[in-house]
């Protein structure tokens, strides 16, 4: 078999995997800091009973970010013309799953609403920062032949 150059219409698999690993690593590390922050703030603001709500929110939010990154990885591996539409479908799927999780958790009776919101917001911001940092550190070439 004759070796061929990577197709110009999609990123090479190695570059895509490096970016995904970096994004997951960055999100997890900064997300851990966010989880600790939420777990410390919630009991200080609303008492010890709010701790589990904040921790649950950070775990649920982190899971949705992991699912999203893996979904985007699958999308960018496909046809380039479908990347934007695929990313939208992944995002819409995340929103639907998050709404279902929030609805299910809100009916449990032990969720403290403000603590849950605090945990989810802090974790979402932390993951966004970590994902951007992880992608930026992956150093994926934008122009073919450019140095890393």
N, C-alpha and C. Protein backbone atom coordinates (compact mmCIF):
# COMPACT_ATOMS: atom_id res chain seq x y z
N UNK A 1 0.84 -1.17 0.00
CA UNK A 1 0.00 0.00 0.00
C UNK A 1 0.89 1.23 0.00
N UNK A 2 0.52 2.19 -0.79
CA UNK A 2 1.27 3.43 -0.90
C UNK A 2 0.81 4.39 0.19
N UNK A 3 1.74 4.92 1.00
CA UNK A 3 1.32 5.86 2.03
C UNK A 3 0.79 7.14 1.38
N UNK A 4 -0.25 7.67 1.96
CA UNK A 4 -0.84 8.90 1.44
C UNK A 4 -0.81 9.97 2.52
N UNK A 5 -0.82 11.19 2.04
CA UNK A 5 -0.84 12.32 2.97
C UNK A 5 -2.24 12.45 3.57
N UNK A 6 -2.34 13.02 4.75
CA UNK A 6 -3.67 13.22 5.34
C UNK A 6 -4.51 14.11 4.45
N UNK A 7 -5.80 13.85 4.45
CA UNK A 7 -6.70 14.66 3.64
C UNK A 7 -6.74 16.07 4.19
N UNK A 8 -6.75 17.04 3.29
CA UNK A 8 -6.75 18.44 3.70
C UNK A 8 -8.10 18.87 4.26
N UNK A 9 -9.15 18.09 3.99
CA UNK A 9 -10.48 18.51 4.42
C UNK A 9 -10.82 18.08 5.84
N UNK A 10 -9.94 17.39 6.54
CA UNK A 10 -10.18 17.06 7.95
C UNK A 10 -8.84 16.93 8.67
N UNK A 11 -8.84 17.22 9.98
CA UNK A 11 -7.58 17.14 10.72
C UNK A 11 -7.10 15.70 10.84
N UNK A 12 -5.79 15.50 10.82
CA UNK A 12 -5.27 14.15 11.02
C UNK A 12 -5.73 13.60 12.36
N UNK A 13 -5.91 12.28 12.42
CA UNK A 13 -6.42 11.64 13.63
C UNK A 13 -5.53 11.94 14.83
N UNK A 14 -4.22 11.92 14.64
CA UNK A 14 -3.30 12.17 15.76
C UNK A 14 -3.52 13.56 16.33
N UNK A 15 -3.67 14.57 15.46
CA UNK A 15 -3.90 15.93 15.94
C UNK A 15 -5.23 16.03 16.68
N UNK A 16 -6.25 15.38 16.14
CA UNK A 16 -7.57 15.42 16.76
C UNK A 16 -7.52 14.76 18.15
N UNK A 17 -6.84 13.62 18.24
CA UNK A 17 -6.74 12.93 19.53
C UNK A 17 -5.94 13.72 20.54
N UNK A 18 -4.88 14.38 20.10
CA UNK A 18 -4.08 15.21 20.99
C UNK A 18 -4.94 16.35 21.53
N UNK A 19 -5.72 16.97 20.66
CA UNK A 19 -6.58 18.07 21.09
C UNK A 19 -7.62 17.58 22.08
N UNK A 20 -8.25 16.45 21.80
CA UNK A 20 -9.28 15.93 22.70
C UNK A 20 -8.70 15.56 24.05
N UNK A 21 -7.56 14.88 24.05
CA UNK A 21 -6.92 14.52 25.33
C UNK A 21 -6.56 15.76 26.12
N UNK A 22 -6.02 16.76 25.44
CA UNK A 22 -5.65 18.00 26.12
C UNK A 22 -6.85 18.73 26.68
N UNK A 23 -7.93 18.74 25.92
CA UNK A 23 -9.14 19.40 26.39
C UNK A 23 -9.73 18.68 27.58
N UNK A 24 -9.77 17.35 27.52
CA UNK A 24 -10.31 16.58 28.65
C UNK A 24 -9.43 16.75 29.89
N UNK A 25 -8.12 16.72 29.70
CA UNK A 25 -7.20 16.90 30.82
C UNK A 25 -7.35 18.30 31.43
N UNK A 26 -7.36 19.31 30.57
CA UNK A 26 -7.51 20.68 31.06
C UNK A 26 -8.85 20.89 31.76
N UNK A 27 -9.92 20.36 31.16
CA UNK A 27 -11.23 20.50 31.78
C UNK A 27 -11.31 19.80 33.12
N UNK A 28 -10.73 18.61 33.19
CA UNK A 28 -10.77 17.85 34.44
C UNK A 28 -9.97 18.54 35.54
N UNK A 29 -8.79 19.05 35.20
CA UNK A 29 -7.95 19.69 36.22
C UNK A 29 -8.59 20.97 36.74
N UNK A 30 -9.02 21.84 35.83
CA UNK A 30 -9.64 23.09 36.27
C UNK A 30 -11.02 22.79 36.88
N UNK A 31 -11.71 21.77 36.36
CA UNK A 31 -12.99 21.36 36.93
C UNK A 31 -12.86 20.86 38.35
N UNK A 32 -11.76 20.20 38.64
CA UNK A 32 -11.52 19.74 40.02
C UNK A 32 -11.39 20.94 40.96
N UNK A 33 -10.71 21.96 40.51
CA UNK A 33 -10.59 23.18 41.32
C UNK A 33 -11.98 23.80 41.51
N UNK A 34 -12.78 23.82 40.44
CA UNK A 34 -14.14 24.36 40.54
C UNK A 34 -15.01 23.55 41.49
N UNK A 35 -14.85 22.23 41.45
CA UNK A 35 -15.64 21.36 42.34
C UNK A 35 -15.28 21.61 43.80
N UNK A 36 -14.00 21.76 44.08
CA UNK A 36 -13.57 22.04 45.45
C UNK A 36 -14.09 23.41 45.90
N UNK A 37 -14.02 24.38 45.01
CA UNK A 37 -14.51 25.72 45.33
C UNK A 37 -16.01 25.69 45.66
N UNK A 38 -16.79 25.00 44.82
CA UNK A 38 -18.24 24.90 45.06
C UNK A 38 -18.53 24.13 46.34
N UNK A 39 -17.75 23.09 46.60
CA UNK A 39 -17.97 22.28 47.81
C UNK A 39 -17.61 23.05 49.07
N UNK A 40 -16.73 24.02 48.97
CA UNK A 40 -16.39 24.84 50.13
C UNK A 40 -17.40 25.98 50.30
N UNK A 41 -17.79 26.61 49.18
CA UNK A 41 -18.69 27.76 49.26
C UNK A 41 -20.11 27.39 49.68
N UNK A 42 -20.64 26.30 49.14
CA UNK A 42 -22.05 25.95 49.42
C UNK A 42 -22.34 25.79 50.92
N UNK A 43 -21.54 25.02 51.66
CA UNK A 43 -21.82 24.92 53.10
C UNK A 43 -21.63 26.24 53.85
N UNK A 44 -20.69 27.05 53.39
CA UNK A 44 -20.48 28.35 54.05
C UNK A 44 -21.68 29.26 53.85
N UNK A 45 -22.30 29.19 52.67
CA UNK A 45 -23.42 30.07 52.36
C UNK A 45 -24.75 29.54 52.86
N UNK A 46 -24.97 28.22 52.78
CA UNK A 46 -26.30 27.67 53.06
C UNK A 46 -26.30 26.52 54.07
N UNK A 47 -25.20 26.22 54.66
CA UNK A 47 -25.16 25.14 55.64
C UNK A 47 -24.69 23.83 55.02
N UNK A 48 -24.41 22.89 55.89
CA UNK A 48 -23.84 21.61 55.47
C UNK A 48 -24.76 20.82 54.54
N UNK A 49 -26.06 21.00 54.68
CA UNK A 49 -27.00 20.25 53.83
C UNK A 49 -26.86 20.63 52.36
N UNK A 50 -26.32 21.79 52.06
CA UNK A 50 -26.15 22.23 50.67
C UNK A 50 -24.93 21.60 50.00
N UNK A 51 -24.05 20.99 50.79
CA UNK A 51 -22.82 20.40 50.24
C UNK A 51 -23.11 19.38 49.15
N UNK A 52 -24.01 18.42 49.42
CA UNK A 52 -24.27 17.35 48.46
C UNK A 52 -24.92 17.87 47.19
N UNK A 53 -25.70 18.91 47.29
CA UNK A 53 -26.30 19.50 46.09
C UNK A 53 -25.22 20.11 45.20
N UNK A 54 -24.27 20.81 45.81
CA UNK A 54 -23.19 21.41 45.03
C UNK A 54 -22.30 20.34 44.41
N UNK A 55 -21.99 19.31 45.17
CA UNK A 55 -21.15 18.23 44.65
C UNK A 55 -21.86 17.49 43.53
N UNK A 56 -23.15 17.22 43.70
CA UNK A 56 -23.92 16.55 42.65
C UNK A 56 -23.92 17.39 41.38
N UNK A 57 -24.10 18.69 41.52
CA UNK A 57 -24.09 19.57 40.36
C UNK A 57 -22.76 19.56 39.64
N UNK A 58 -21.66 19.55 40.40
CA UNK A 58 -20.35 19.54 39.75
C UNK A 58 -20.12 18.23 39.00
N UNK A 59 -20.57 17.13 39.56
CA UNK A 59 -20.40 15.83 38.89
C UNK A 59 -21.26 15.76 37.62
N UNK A 60 -22.52 16.16 37.73
CA UNK A 60 -23.43 16.13 36.56
C UNK A 60 -22.90 17.04 35.47
N UNK A 61 -22.46 18.22 35.83
CA UNK A 61 -21.94 19.17 34.84
C UNK A 61 -20.67 18.65 34.18
N UNK A 62 -19.78 18.08 34.95
CA UNK A 62 -18.55 17.52 34.39
C UNK A 62 -18.87 16.39 33.41
N UNK A 63 -19.82 15.54 33.76
CA UNK A 63 -20.22 14.45 32.85
C UNK A 63 -20.73 14.99 31.53
N UNK A 64 -21.50 16.05 31.58
CA UNK A 64 -22.03 16.61 30.34
C UNK A 64 -20.93 17.23 29.49
N UNK A 65 -19.93 17.82 30.12
CA UNK A 65 -18.81 18.35 29.34
C UNK A 65 -17.99 17.23 28.71
N UNK A 66 -17.78 16.15 29.43
CA UNK A 66 -17.05 15.01 28.86
C UNK A 66 -17.82 14.43 27.68
N UNK A 67 -19.13 14.24 27.85
CA UNK A 67 -19.97 13.73 26.76
C UNK A 67 -19.89 14.67 25.56
N UNK A 68 -19.91 15.96 25.81
CA UNK A 68 -19.84 16.94 24.72
C UNK A 68 -18.52 16.88 23.97
N UNK A 69 -17.42 16.79 24.69
CA UNK A 69 -16.11 16.74 24.03
C UNK A 69 -15.99 15.46 23.20
N UNK A 70 -16.44 14.35 23.74
CA UNK A 70 -16.38 13.10 22.98
C UNK A 70 -17.31 13.14 21.77
N UNK A 71 -18.46 13.79 21.93
CA UNK A 71 -19.37 13.96 20.80
C UNK A 71 -18.76 14.83 19.71
N UNK A 72 -18.12 15.91 20.11
CA UNK A 72 -17.46 16.79 19.13
C UNK A 72 -16.33 16.05 18.44
N UNK A 73 -15.62 15.19 19.17
CA UNK A 73 -14.55 14.40 18.56
C UNK A 73 -15.11 13.54 17.44
N UNK A 74 -16.25 12.94 17.67
CA UNK A 74 -16.87 12.12 16.63
C UNK A 74 -17.31 12.98 15.45
N UNK A 75 -17.80 14.17 15.73
CA UNK A 75 -18.27 15.06 14.67
C UNK A 75 -17.12 15.51 13.77
N UNK A 76 -16.01 15.92 14.37
CA UNK A 76 -14.90 16.42 13.54
C UNK A 76 -14.19 15.30 12.79
N UNK A 77 -14.48 14.06 13.14
CA UNK A 77 -13.92 12.93 12.40
C UNK A 77 -14.71 12.63 11.14
N UNK A 78 -15.86 13.23 10.99
CA UNK A 78 -16.72 12.97 9.84
C UNK A 78 -16.49 13.98 8.73
N UNK A 79 -17.51 14.13 7.92
CA UNK A 79 -17.44 15.04 6.77
C UNK A 79 -17.32 16.48 7.25
N UNK A 80 -16.38 17.23 6.69
CA UNK A 80 -16.15 18.61 7.15
C UNK A 80 -17.37 19.51 6.99
N UNK A 81 -18.16 19.28 5.94
CA UNK A 81 -19.32 20.11 5.71
C UNK A 81 -20.40 19.95 6.76
N UNK A 82 -20.33 18.89 7.53
CA UNK A 82 -21.33 18.63 8.56
C UNK A 82 -20.86 19.01 9.96
N UNK A 83 -19.66 19.56 10.08
CA UNK A 83 -19.09 19.84 11.40
C UNK A 83 -19.93 20.80 12.22
N UNK A 84 -20.35 21.91 11.61
CA UNK A 84 -21.12 22.91 12.35
C UNK A 84 -22.49 22.34 12.75
N UNK A 85 -23.15 21.68 11.82
CA UNK A 85 -24.45 21.08 12.13
C UNK A 85 -24.29 19.99 13.19
N UNK A 86 -23.23 19.19 13.08
CA UNK A 86 -22.99 18.14 14.07
C UNK A 86 -22.70 18.71 15.44
N UNK A 87 -21.95 19.80 15.50
CA UNK A 87 -21.67 20.44 16.78
C UNK A 87 -22.96 20.97 17.40
N UNK A 88 -23.84 21.49 16.57
CA UNK A 88 -25.12 21.98 17.07
C UNK A 88 -25.95 20.82 17.63
N UNK A 89 -25.95 19.70 16.95
CA UNK A 89 -26.69 18.52 17.42
C UNK A 89 -26.12 18.04 18.76
N UNK A 90 -24.81 18.02 18.88
CA UNK A 90 -24.18 17.62 20.15
C UNK A 90 -24.60 18.58 21.26
N UNK A 91 -24.55 19.87 20.98
CA UNK A 91 -24.93 20.88 21.98
C UNK A 91 -26.39 20.74 22.36
N UNK A 92 -27.26 20.57 21.38
CA UNK A 92 -28.68 20.39 21.65
C UNK A 92 -28.92 19.12 22.47
N UNK A 93 -28.21 18.06 22.14
CA UNK A 93 -28.32 16.82 22.92
C UNK A 93 -27.88 17.02 24.36
N UNK A 94 -26.81 17.78 24.56
CA UNK A 94 -26.36 18.08 25.92
C UNK A 94 -27.42 18.85 26.69
N UNK A 95 -28.02 19.84 26.05
CA UNK A 95 -29.06 20.63 26.73
C UNK A 95 -30.26 19.77 27.11
N UNK A 96 -30.67 18.89 26.21
CA UNK A 96 -31.81 18.02 26.50
C UNK A 96 -31.49 17.08 27.66
N UNK A 97 -30.30 16.47 27.63
CA UNK A 97 -29.92 15.57 28.72
C UNK A 97 -29.77 16.32 30.04
N UNK A 98 -29.23 17.53 29.99
CA UNK A 98 -29.08 18.32 31.21
C UNK A 98 -30.45 18.70 31.78
N UNK A 99 -31.37 19.09 30.91
CA UNK A 99 -32.73 19.43 31.38
C UNK A 99 -33.40 18.21 32.01
N UNK A 100 -33.22 17.04 31.39
CA UNK A 100 -33.80 15.81 31.96
C UNK A 100 -33.19 15.49 33.31
N UNK A 101 -31.87 15.65 33.44
CA UNK A 101 -31.20 15.39 34.71
C UNK A 101 -31.67 16.38 35.78
N UNK A 102 -31.79 17.65 35.41
CA UNK A 102 -32.25 18.65 36.38
C UNK A 102 -33.69 18.36 36.81
N UNK A 103 -34.52 17.98 35.87
CA UNK A 103 -35.91 17.63 36.21
C UNK A 103 -35.96 16.43 37.16
N UNK A 104 -35.17 15.41 36.85
CA UNK A 104 -35.15 14.22 37.70
C UNK A 104 -34.61 14.54 39.09
N UNK A 105 -33.55 15.32 39.14
CA UNK A 105 -32.96 15.66 40.45
C UNK A 105 -33.84 16.61 41.26
N UNK A 106 -34.56 17.48 40.60
CA UNK A 106 -35.40 18.43 41.32
C UNK A 106 -36.56 17.74 42.04
N UNK A 107 -36.91 16.56 41.60
CA UNK A 107 -38.01 15.81 42.23
C UNK A 107 -37.55 14.95 43.40
N UNK A 108 -36.27 14.93 43.69
CA UNK A 108 -35.78 14.08 44.77
C UNK A 108 -36.09 14.64 46.15
N UNK A 109 -36.18 15.95 46.27
CA UNK A 109 -36.49 16.55 47.55
C UNK A 109 -35.27 16.95 48.37
N UNK A 110 -34.12 16.40 48.11
CA UNK A 110 -32.94 16.74 48.90
C UNK A 110 -32.04 17.75 48.21
N UNK A 111 -32.36 18.12 46.98
CA UNK A 111 -31.53 19.09 46.25
C UNK A 111 -31.81 20.51 46.75
N UNK A 112 -30.76 21.20 47.11
CA UNK A 112 -30.83 22.61 47.48
C UNK A 112 -30.60 23.40 46.20
N UNK A 113 -31.61 24.11 45.73
CA UNK A 113 -31.58 24.76 44.43
C UNK A 113 -30.42 25.72 44.22
N UNK A 114 -30.20 26.59 45.16
CA UNK A 114 -29.12 27.59 44.99
C UNK A 114 -27.75 26.94 45.04
N UNK A 115 -27.57 25.97 45.90
CA UNK A 115 -26.28 25.27 45.98
C UNK A 115 -26.03 24.48 44.69
N UNK A 116 -27.09 23.86 44.16
CA UNK A 116 -26.95 23.13 42.91
C UNK A 116 -26.57 24.08 41.78
N UNK A 117 -27.25 25.23 41.74
CA UNK A 117 -26.94 26.23 40.71
C UNK A 117 -25.50 26.73 40.85
N UNK A 118 -25.07 26.98 42.09
CA UNK A 118 -23.70 27.42 42.32
C UNK A 118 -22.70 26.39 41.80
N UNK A 119 -22.92 25.13 42.16
CA UNK A 119 -22.02 24.07 41.70
C UNK A 119 -22.00 23.95 40.19
N UNK A 120 -23.17 24.02 39.55
CA UNK A 120 -23.24 23.89 38.10
C UNK A 120 -22.56 25.06 37.40
N UNK A 121 -22.79 26.26 37.88
CA UNK A 121 -22.20 27.45 37.25
C UNK A 121 -20.68 27.47 37.43
N UNK A 122 -20.23 27.21 38.64
CA UNK A 122 -18.78 27.20 38.90
C UNK A 122 -18.11 26.11 38.06
N UNK A 123 -18.72 24.94 37.99
CA UNK A 123 -18.13 23.83 37.23
C UNK A 123 -18.15 24.14 35.73
N UNK A 124 -19.23 24.73 35.23
CA UNK A 124 -19.31 25.06 33.81
C UNK A 124 -18.23 26.09 33.43
N UNK A 125 -18.06 27.10 34.26
CA UNK A 125 -17.01 28.09 33.99
C UNK A 125 -15.63 27.45 34.06
N UNK A 126 -15.42 26.61 35.06
CA UNK A 126 -14.12 25.94 35.20
C UNK A 126 -13.84 25.06 33.99
N UNK A 127 -14.83 24.28 33.55
CA UNK A 127 -14.62 23.42 32.39
C UNK A 127 -14.37 24.24 31.12
N UNK A 128 -15.07 25.34 30.95
CA UNK A 128 -14.84 26.18 29.77
C UNK A 128 -13.40 26.68 29.75
N UNK A 129 -12.93 27.15 30.89
CA UNK A 129 -11.54 27.62 30.98
C UNK A 129 -10.58 26.46 30.69
N UNK A 130 -10.82 25.32 31.30
CA UNK A 130 -9.94 24.16 31.11
C UNK A 130 -9.94 23.65 29.67
N UNK A 131 -11.11 23.65 29.03
CA UNK A 131 -11.18 23.20 27.63
C UNK A 131 -10.39 24.12 26.71
N UNK A 132 -10.54 25.42 26.91
CA UNK A 132 -9.81 26.37 26.08
C UNK A 132 -8.30 26.25 26.32
N UNK A 133 -7.91 26.14 27.59
CA UNK A 133 -6.49 25.99 27.90
C UNK A 133 -5.94 24.69 27.31
N UNK A 134 -6.69 23.61 27.44
CA UNK A 134 -6.25 22.33 26.90
C UNK A 134 -6.12 22.34 25.39
N UNK A 135 -7.06 22.97 24.71
CA UNK A 135 -6.98 23.05 23.26
C UNK A 135 -5.81 23.93 22.83
N UNK A 136 -5.64 25.06 23.51
CA UNK A 136 -4.54 25.98 23.15
C UNK A 136 -3.18 25.31 23.35
N UNK A 137 -3.06 24.49 24.36
CA UNK A 137 -1.78 23.82 24.62
C UNK A 137 -1.54 22.65 23.69
N UNK A 138 -2.58 22.18 23.00
CA UNK A 138 -2.41 21.06 22.07
C UNK A 138 -1.60 21.48 20.84
N UNK A 139 -1.60 22.77 20.56
CA UNK A 139 -0.81 23.34 19.45
C UNK A 139 -1.09 22.64 18.13
N UNK A 140 -2.34 22.63 17.75
CA UNK A 140 -2.76 22.06 16.48
C UNK A 140 -2.45 23.07 15.39
N UNK A 141 -1.70 22.67 14.35
CA UNK A 141 -1.39 23.62 13.28
C UNK A 141 -2.65 24.06 12.54
N UNK A 142 -2.75 25.34 12.28
CA UNK A 142 -3.91 25.87 11.56
C UNK A 142 -3.65 25.80 10.06
N UNK A 143 -2.42 26.04 9.67
CA UNK A 143 -2.03 26.01 8.27
C UNK A 143 -1.13 24.79 8.07
N UNK A 144 -1.42 24.03 7.02
CA UNK A 144 -0.63 22.84 6.75
C UNK A 144 0.85 23.20 6.59
N UNK A 145 1.69 22.45 7.26
CA UNK A 145 3.13 22.68 7.19
C UNK A 145 3.66 23.69 8.19
N UNK A 146 2.75 24.29 8.99
CA UNK A 146 3.23 25.26 9.98
C UNK A 146 3.85 24.53 11.16
N UNK A 147 4.84 25.12 11.80
CA UNK A 147 5.49 24.45 12.93
C UNK A 147 4.57 24.43 14.14
N UNK A 148 4.79 23.47 15.01
CA UNK A 148 4.00 23.38 16.24
C UNK A 148 4.60 24.31 17.21
